[in-house]
Protein backbone atom coordinates (compact mmCIF):
# COMPACT_ATOMS: atom_id res chain seq x y z
CA MET A 1 97.00 96.97 117.53
CA GLY A 2 97.58 93.89 115.37
CA LEU A 3 95.33 95.18 112.60
CA LEU A 4 96.87 98.65 112.71
CA SER A 5 100.38 97.18 112.52
CA ALA A 6 99.26 95.07 109.56
CA ILE A 7 97.94 98.17 107.80
CA ILE A 8 101.19 100.07 108.35
CA ASN A 9 103.42 97.19 107.24
CA GLY A 10 101.11 96.52 104.30
CA ILE A 11 101.55 100.10 103.13
CA LEU A 12 105.33 99.79 103.52
CA MET A 13 105.41 96.55 101.52
CA GLY A 14 103.09 98.12 98.97
CA GLY A 15 105.70 100.80 98.38
CA ILE A 16 108.18 98.09 97.40
CA TYR A 17 105.63 96.58 95.02
CA GLY A 18 105.10 100.03 93.56
CA LEU A 19 108.81 100.50 92.93
CA LEU A 20 108.94 97.26 90.96
CA ALA A 21 105.80 98.17 89.02
CA LEU A 22 107.26 101.60 88.25
CA GLY A 23 109.97 100.06 86.08
CA LEU A 24 107.46 97.79 84.38
CA THR A 25 105.03 100.61 83.62
CA LEU A 26 107.88 102.75 82.27
CA ILE A 27 108.79 100.10 79.72
CA PHE A 28 105.18 99.57 78.71
CA GLY A 29 104.35 103.27 78.65
CA ILE A 30 107.18 104.09 76.27
CA MET A 31 107.76 100.91 74.27
CA LYS A 32 104.27 99.38 74.45
CA ILE A 33 105.68 95.95 75.25
CA ILE A 34 105.19 93.72 78.28
CA ASN A 35 108.51 92.75 79.83
CA PHE A 36 108.17 89.25 81.26
CA ALA A 37 111.86 89.29 82.23
CA HIS A 38 111.32 92.09 84.76
CA GLY A 39 111.06 89.68 87.67
CA ALA A 40 114.18 87.83 86.54
CA PHE A 41 116.19 91.06 86.68
CA LEU A 42 114.91 91.64 90.22
CA MET A 43 116.10 88.15 91.15
CA VAL A 44 119.55 88.80 89.65
CA ALA A 45 119.91 91.95 91.75
CA MET A 46 118.83 90.14 94.92
CA ILE A 47 121.33 87.31 94.46
CA PHE A 48 124.21 89.59 93.45
CA SER A 49 123.51 91.87 96.40
CA TYR A 50 123.54 88.85 98.70
CA TRP A 51 126.91 87.59 97.46
CA LEU A 52 128.47 91.05 97.63
CA TRP A 53 127.39 91.10 101.27
CA LYS A 54 128.45 87.51 101.93
CA ILE A 55 131.87 87.57 100.26
CA MET A 56 132.96 91.20 100.43
CA GLY A 57 130.96 92.42 103.41
CA ILE A 58 129.25 95.16 101.38
CA ASP A 59 126.00 96.26 102.97
CA PRO A 60 123.07 95.52 100.61
CA TYR A 61 122.08 99.18 100.51
CA LEU A 62 125.63 100.21 99.58
CA SER A 63 125.64 97.65 96.77
CA VAL A 64 123.32 100.06 94.93
CA VAL A 65 126.36 101.88 93.51
CA ILE A 66 127.55 98.62 91.91
CA ILE A 67 124.39 96.77 90.97
CA ILE A 68 122.25 99.60 89.59
CA PRO A 69 124.75 100.65 86.88
CA VAL A 70 125.26 96.98 85.98
CA LEU A 71 121.52 96.37 85.71
CA PHE A 72 121.06 99.53 83.63
CA VAL A 73 123.73 98.40 81.17
CA LEU A 74 122.25 94.90 81.10
CA GLY A 75 118.82 96.30 80.31
CA TYR A 76 120.20 98.72 77.72
CA LEU A 77 122.05 95.93 75.90
CA THR A 78 119.06 93.60 76.12
CA GLN A 79 116.89 96.14 74.34
CA ARG A 80 119.58 97.16 71.87
CA TYR A 81 120.69 93.72 70.73
CA LEU A 82 117.79 91.37 71.51
CA ILE A 83 114.49 93.24 71.54
CA LYS A 84 115.20 95.92 68.91
CA PRO A 85 115.76 93.42 66.05
CA VAL A 86 112.44 91.78 66.90
CA LEU A 87 110.62 95.13 67.00
CA ASP A 88 112.17 96.11 63.67
CA ALA A 89 111.10 92.83 62.10
CA GLU A 90 107.52 93.31 63.30
CA LYS A 91 107.16 97.04 62.63
CA ASP A 92 104.44 96.42 60.03
CA VAL A 93 102.62 93.75 62.03
CA ARG A 94 99.25 94.84 63.40
CA GLU A 95 99.56 93.04 66.74
CA PRO A 96 103.21 92.08 67.27
CA ILE A 97 103.96 89.53 69.99
CA GLY A 98 107.59 88.77 69.20
CA ALA A 99 109.00 91.01 71.94
CA LEU A 100 106.58 89.58 74.49
CA LEU A 101 107.64 86.02 73.66
CA LEU A 102 111.29 87.05 73.66
CA THR A 103 111.13 88.52 77.16
CA ALA A 104 109.28 85.43 78.39
CA GLY A 105 112.02 83.22 76.98
CA LEU A 106 114.69 85.52 78.37
CA SER A 107 113.14 85.20 81.82
CA VAL A 108 113.36 81.41 81.64
CA ALA A 109 116.95 81.57 80.37
CA ILE A 110 118.08 83.93 83.15
CA GLU A 111 116.34 81.88 85.81
CA ASN A 112 117.97 78.63 84.67
CA PHE A 113 121.38 80.27 84.30
CA MET A 114 121.23 81.58 87.86
CA LEU A 115 120.06 78.15 89.02
CA MET A 116 123.07 76.46 87.43
CA VAL A 117 125.57 79.00 88.75
CA PHE A 118 124.24 79.70 92.26
CA GLY A 119 122.03 76.71 92.98
CA ALA A 120 118.51 76.59 94.38
CA ASP A 121 119.37 77.65 97.93
CA TYR A 122 117.28 80.32 99.62
CA LEU A 123 119.49 83.32 100.36
CA MET A 124 118.95 86.36 102.57
CA ALA A 125 121.40 89.01 103.74
CA LYS A 126 120.79 88.85 107.49
CA THR A 127 122.17 92.22 108.46
CA THR A 128 122.00 93.83 111.89
CA TYR A 129 118.81 95.64 110.85
CA SER A 130 117.09 92.78 108.98
CA GLY A 131 114.86 91.87 111.90
CA ALA A 132 114.86 95.29 113.53
CA SER A 133 111.65 97.12 114.32
CA ILE A 134 110.75 100.47 115.77
CA TYR A 135 107.79 100.94 118.07
CA VAL A 136 105.46 103.91 117.90
CA SER A 137 102.67 103.95 120.47
CA GLY A 138 102.97 100.19 120.76
CA LEU A 139 102.92 99.63 116.97
CA SER A 140 105.72 97.54 115.45
CA ILE A 141 107.20 98.90 112.21
CA SER A 142 109.78 96.90 110.25
CA VAL A 143 112.97 98.94 109.79
CA PRO A 144 114.07 97.49 106.41
CA ARG A 145 110.55 97.89 105.02
CA LEU A 146 110.49 101.47 106.27
CA TYR A 147 113.82 102.15 104.55
CA ALA A 148 112.50 100.60 101.34
CA PHE A 149 109.30 102.65 101.49
CA VAL A 150 111.18 105.92 101.95
CA ALA A 151 113.51 104.97 99.09
CA THR A 152 110.47 104.24 96.92
CA LEU A 153 109.00 107.68 97.58
CA ILE A 154 112.34 109.34 96.78
CA ALA A 155 112.86 107.25 93.63
CA THR A 156 109.32 107.96 92.41
CA PHE A 157 109.71 111.69 93.01
CA LEU A 158 113.09 111.83 91.25
CA PHE A 159 111.78 109.75 88.36
CA TYR A 160 108.74 112.00 87.97
CA GLN A 161 110.99 115.06 87.95
CA PHE A 162 113.25 113.38 85.41
CA LEU A 163 110.34 112.75 83.05
CA ASN A 164 109.02 116.30 83.31
CA LYS A 165 112.11 118.47 83.79
CA THR A 166 114.85 116.97 81.61
CA GLU A 167 115.24 116.94 77.85
CA LEU A 168 115.67 113.16 77.82
CA GLY A 169 112.61 112.72 80.01
CA ARG A 170 110.49 114.84 77.69
CA ALA A 171 111.82 112.87 74.73
CA MET A 172 110.77 109.66 76.45
CA ARG A 173 107.29 111.04 77.11
CA ALA A 174 106.97 112.19 73.50
CA THR A 175 108.01 108.76 72.28
CA GLY A 176 105.47 107.10 74.55
CA GLN A 177 102.68 109.37 73.31
CA ASP A 178 103.37 109.01 69.58
CA ARG A 179 106.39 107.24 68.16
CA GLY A 180 105.84 108.57 64.64
CA VAL A 181 105.66 112.20 65.74
CA ALA A 182 108.73 111.69 67.94
CA LEU A 183 110.67 110.49 64.90
CA LEU A 184 109.55 113.55 62.91
CA MET A 185 110.76 115.77 65.77
CA GLY A 186 114.23 114.30 65.42
CA ILE A 187 114.14 112.14 68.55
CA ASP A 188 116.38 109.08 68.41
CA VAL A 189 113.60 106.63 69.24
CA PRO A 190 115.73 103.44 69.29
CA LYS A 191 118.09 105.10 71.78
CA VAL A 192 115.16 106.27 73.90
CA TYR A 193 113.82 102.71 73.91
CA SER A 194 117.17 101.34 75.07
CA ILE A 195 117.52 103.94 77.83
CA ALA A 196 113.94 103.35 78.98
CA PHE A 197 114.50 99.62 79.15
CA GLY A 198 117.75 100.20 81.02
CA ILE A 199 116.06 102.46 83.58
CA GLY A 200 113.20 100.01 84.01
CA THR A 201 115.66 97.19 84.60
CA ALA A 202 117.61 99.32 87.08
CA LEU A 203 114.39 100.00 89.01
CA ALA A 204 113.76 96.26 89.20
CA GLY A 205 117.30 95.90 90.53
CA LEU A 206 116.73 98.62 93.11
CA THR A 207 113.65 96.76 94.31
CA GLY A 208 115.67 93.58 94.67
CA ILE A 209 118.34 95.34 96.72
CA PHE A 210 115.76 96.63 99.18
CA LEU A 211 114.16 93.19 99.46
CA ILE A 212 117.26 91.10 100.20
CA PRO A 213 117.68 92.18 103.88
CA PHE A 214 114.32 90.63 104.81
CA TYR A 215 113.13 88.47 101.89
CA TYR A 216 114.68 85.21 100.71
CA ALA A 217 116.15 85.17 97.21
CA HIS A 218 116.16 82.12 94.95
CA PRO A 219 116.10 81.63 91.17
CA SER A 220 112.29 81.55 91.03
CA VAL A 221 111.61 84.52 93.30
CA GLY A 222 111.05 86.80 90.33
CA GLU A 223 107.96 84.83 89.33
CA VAL A 224 106.29 85.74 92.61
CA PHE A 225 106.87 89.44 92.19
CA ILE A 226 106.30 89.76 88.45
CA THR A 227 102.75 88.46 88.84
CA LYS A 228 102.01 91.10 91.45
CA ALA A 229 103.73 93.76 89.35
CA PHE A 230 101.48 92.99 86.37
CA ILE A 231 98.40 93.25 88.57
CA ILE A 232 99.62 96.57 89.96
CA VAL A 233 100.39 98.02 86.52
CA VAL A 234 96.92 97.15 85.22
CA LEU A 235 95.28 98.23 88.46
CA GLY A 236 97.02 101.60 88.46
CA GLY A 237 96.52 102.17 84.74
CA LEU A 238 98.77 100.97 81.93
CA GLY A 239 101.70 103.36 81.58
CA SER A 240 100.76 105.45 84.62
CA VAL A 241 103.60 106.43 86.97
CA PRO A 242 101.39 107.54 89.91
CA GLY A 243 99.18 104.54 89.20
CA ALA A 244 102.10 102.16 89.76
CA LEU A 245 102.69 103.54 93.24
CA ALA A 246 98.99 103.72 94.12
CA GLY A 247 98.38 100.20 92.85
CA GLY A 248 101.34 98.88 94.82
CA LEU A 249 100.09 100.47 98.03
CA LEU A 250 96.63 99.03 97.47
CA ILE A 251 97.86 95.48 96.83
CA GLY A 252 100.25 95.62 99.78
CA LEU A 253 97.46 96.83 102.05
CA VAL A 254 95.00 94.14 100.93
CA GLU A 255 97.62 91.40 101.33
CA SER A 256 98.73 92.46 104.77
CA VAL A 257 95.26 92.95 106.23
CA ALA A 258 93.91 89.74 104.69
CA ALA A 259 96.85 87.77 106.12
CA GLN A 260 95.56 88.62 109.60
CA TYR A 261 92.42 86.57 109.01
CA MET A 262 93.21 83.88 106.43
CA THR A 263 95.94 81.63 105.07
CA ALA A 264 98.47 82.68 102.42
CA THR A 265 96.56 80.74 99.75
CA TRP A 266 93.27 82.45 100.49
CA THR A 267 95.04 85.80 100.73
CA ALA A 268 96.38 85.35 97.19
CA ILE A 269 92.91 84.33 95.98
CA LEU A 270 91.41 87.42 97.59
CA VAL A 271 93.95 89.67 95.85
CA TYR A 272 93.11 88.19 92.44
CA PHE A 273 89.38 88.36 93.12
CA ALA A 274 89.60 91.99 94.25
CA PHE A 275 91.67 92.79 91.16
CA LEU A 276 89.13 91.24 88.78
CA ALA A 277 86.22 92.89 90.59
CA PHE A 278 87.91 96.27 90.34
CA LEU A 279 88.46 95.88 86.59
CA LEU A 280 84.77 95.20 86.08
CA PHE A 281 83.97 98.70 87.32
CA ARG A 282 87.07 100.51 86.07
CA PRO A 283 88.81 98.63 83.22
CA SER A 284 91.22 101.52 82.55
CA GLY A 285 92.66 101.35 86.08
CA LEU A 286 92.99 104.03 88.73
CA PHE A 287 94.76 106.56 86.51
CA GLY A 288 94.38 105.00 83.08
CA SER A 289 91.82 107.44 81.71
CA ARG A 290 93.54 110.57 82.99
CA TYR A 291 97.26 110.00 82.73
CA GLU A 292 99.29 110.44 79.57
CA TRP A 293 102.97 110.18 78.87
């Protein structure tokens, strides 16, 4: 029963990882940049959601209507006024790294700002359902993780429909496939970039909101998740939407099952080892060779 419960909860946690990786793979798939600040935006959402619950009594899940628009605007403005000038300056550079370094610096800046304002305390919104579980045939299933997993499936489905069914979504896919052709087609590529970065940031925020009822937030928490998100994105295939979800489920499953037999340190080592071993046999990732924007 213990192993089966670990498998179920690992899959549920993997869905949360997949949601975070979805935003990261969106930004890479369209803009071809690695956003090192992705974890910092998750941390911001977690802490803001906590304080909305603590001060105003707003349930973390209800804080979605406040935090997600704020995170989208924050991401949009970050791309528009910080990243875009760097991309424009490096448009003729063969292998530009300015945006990568900028997002890395931005992550450090956000982390230290939140540390100065909110301190280094570990925060968690201990709601009535934070420690709740449901039992199915003797198996314990975490309620907040189940909620987060269902939300991940819904968000992934809606996002996939958005990319394929809407004019803006098709414009984003066209931009990701070939920026030059997208410009010739009349697509406002800088605007698409800003919207994509905003959506990716909002998805990081959504992940943070679903984590705060059962996971402690602190200024450095983003570092923990961004590392896993990078592994998932590469594992699933760079720029692959289904790959982000599949990679998240796989990492969550490996972590949870391994934790039944070894310490947290060895579990982390196993995840990295499994990741490297997988890349030896399939460098393009699970969906890398088949999926296109």
